[in-house]
Amino acid sequence: MDRIGAALGGLAFVALIFGGLVVVRILTRALYAAVWFAETVATFAFALLIGYIVYRILRGSSDDPRRTG
């Protein structure tokens, strides 16, 4: 009976370690995906900002309300 209990305890320990590694891998990949998505959104927003500034410069218009044009 002691051998069966020891074997079950060993199996539970193996399952705990293996499950922990799987959980860590899942969390790391989810975090990587979230960072990649945020980086993509930030890069797109930065590109839009630069594009808008270049458009305003090339068009020659101003946001100054005292200036017309």
Protein backbone atom coordinates (compact mmCIF):
# COMPACT_ATOMS: atom_id res chain seq x y z
CA MET A 1 0.00 0.00 0.00
CA ASP A 2 2.91 2.34 0.74
CA ARG A 3 4.31 1.73 -2.73
CA ILE A 4 1.03 2.66 -4.37
CA GLY A 5 0.80 5.85 -2.32
CA ALA A 6 4.41 6.73 -3.17
CA ALA A 7 3.80 6.04 -6.85
CA LEU A 8 0.68 8.22 -6.85
CA GLY A 9 2.58 10.96 -5.02
CA GLY A 10 5.38 10.76 -7.58
CA LEU A 11 2.91 10.93 -10.46
CA ALA A 12 1.20 13.91 -8.87
CA PHE A 13 4.57 15.66 -8.51
CA VAL A 14 5.43 14.97 -12.16
CA ALA A 15 2.02 16.26 -13.25
CA LEU A 16 2.49 19.38 -11.12
CA ILE A 17 5.90 20.18 -12.62
CA PHE A 18 4.82 19.39 -16.18
CA GLY A 19 1.57 21.33 -15.76
CA GLY A 20 3.50 24.26 -14.32
CA LEU A 21 5.78 24.32 -17.35
CA VAL A 22 2.80 24.18 -19.69
CA VAL A 23 1.10 27.05 -17.84
CA VAL A 24 4.29 29.13 -17.94
CA ARG A 25 4.64 28.48 -21.68
CA ILE A 26 1.00 29.46 -22.32
CA LEU A 27 1.32 32.65 -20.26
CA THR A 28 4.59 33.60 -21.93
CA ARG A 29 3.15 33.15 -25.40
CA ALA A 30 0.03 35.11 -24.47
CA LEU A 31 2.19 37.93 -23.11
CA TYR A 32 4.33 37.84 -26.26
CA ALA A 33 1.20 38.10 -28.42
CA ALA A 34 -0.12 41.02 -26.35
CA VAL A 35 3.20 42.87 -26.60
CA TRP A 36 3.39 42.22 -30.34
CA PHE A 37 -0.17 43.54 -30.82
CA ALA A 38 0.53 46.66 -28.74
CA GLU A 39 3.74 47.26 -30.68
CA THR A 40 1.89 46.92 -33.98
CA VAL A 41 -0.83 49.36 -32.91
CA ALA A 42 1.75 51.85 -31.61
CA THR A 43 3.78 51.64 -34.83
CA PHE A 44 0.66 52.18 -36.93
CA ALA A 45 -0.38 55.17 -34.80
CA PHE A 46 3.12 56.65 -35.09
CA ALA A 47 3.05 56.17 -38.88
CA LEU A 48 -0.34 57.90 -39.04
CA LEU A 49 0.98 60.83 -37.00
CA ILE A 50 4.06 61.24 -39.20
CA GLY A 51 1.92 60.90 -42.33
CA TYR A 52 -0.45 63.59 -41.09
CA ILE A 53 2.44 65.94 -40.27
CA VAL A 54 4.01 65.39 -43.69
CA TYR A 55 0.62 65.95 -45.34
CA ARG A 56 0.19 69.24 -43.48
CA ILE A 57 3.73 70.36 -44.38
CA LEU A 58 3.40 69.46 -48.07
CA ARG A 59 -0.04 71.03 -48.27
CA GLY A 60 1.30 74.18 -46.61
CA SER A 61 -1.66 74.60 -44.27
CA SER A 62 -1.52 75.67 -40.65
CA ASP A 63 -3.59 75.07 -37.55
CA ASP A 64 -3.08 78.69 -36.51
CA PRO A 65 -6.52 80.37 -36.49
CA ARG A 66 -4.91 83.77 -37.26
CA ARG A 67 -3.65 82.43 -40.55
CA THR A 68 -5.95 81.75 -43.46
CA GLY A 69 -5.13 79.08 -45.96
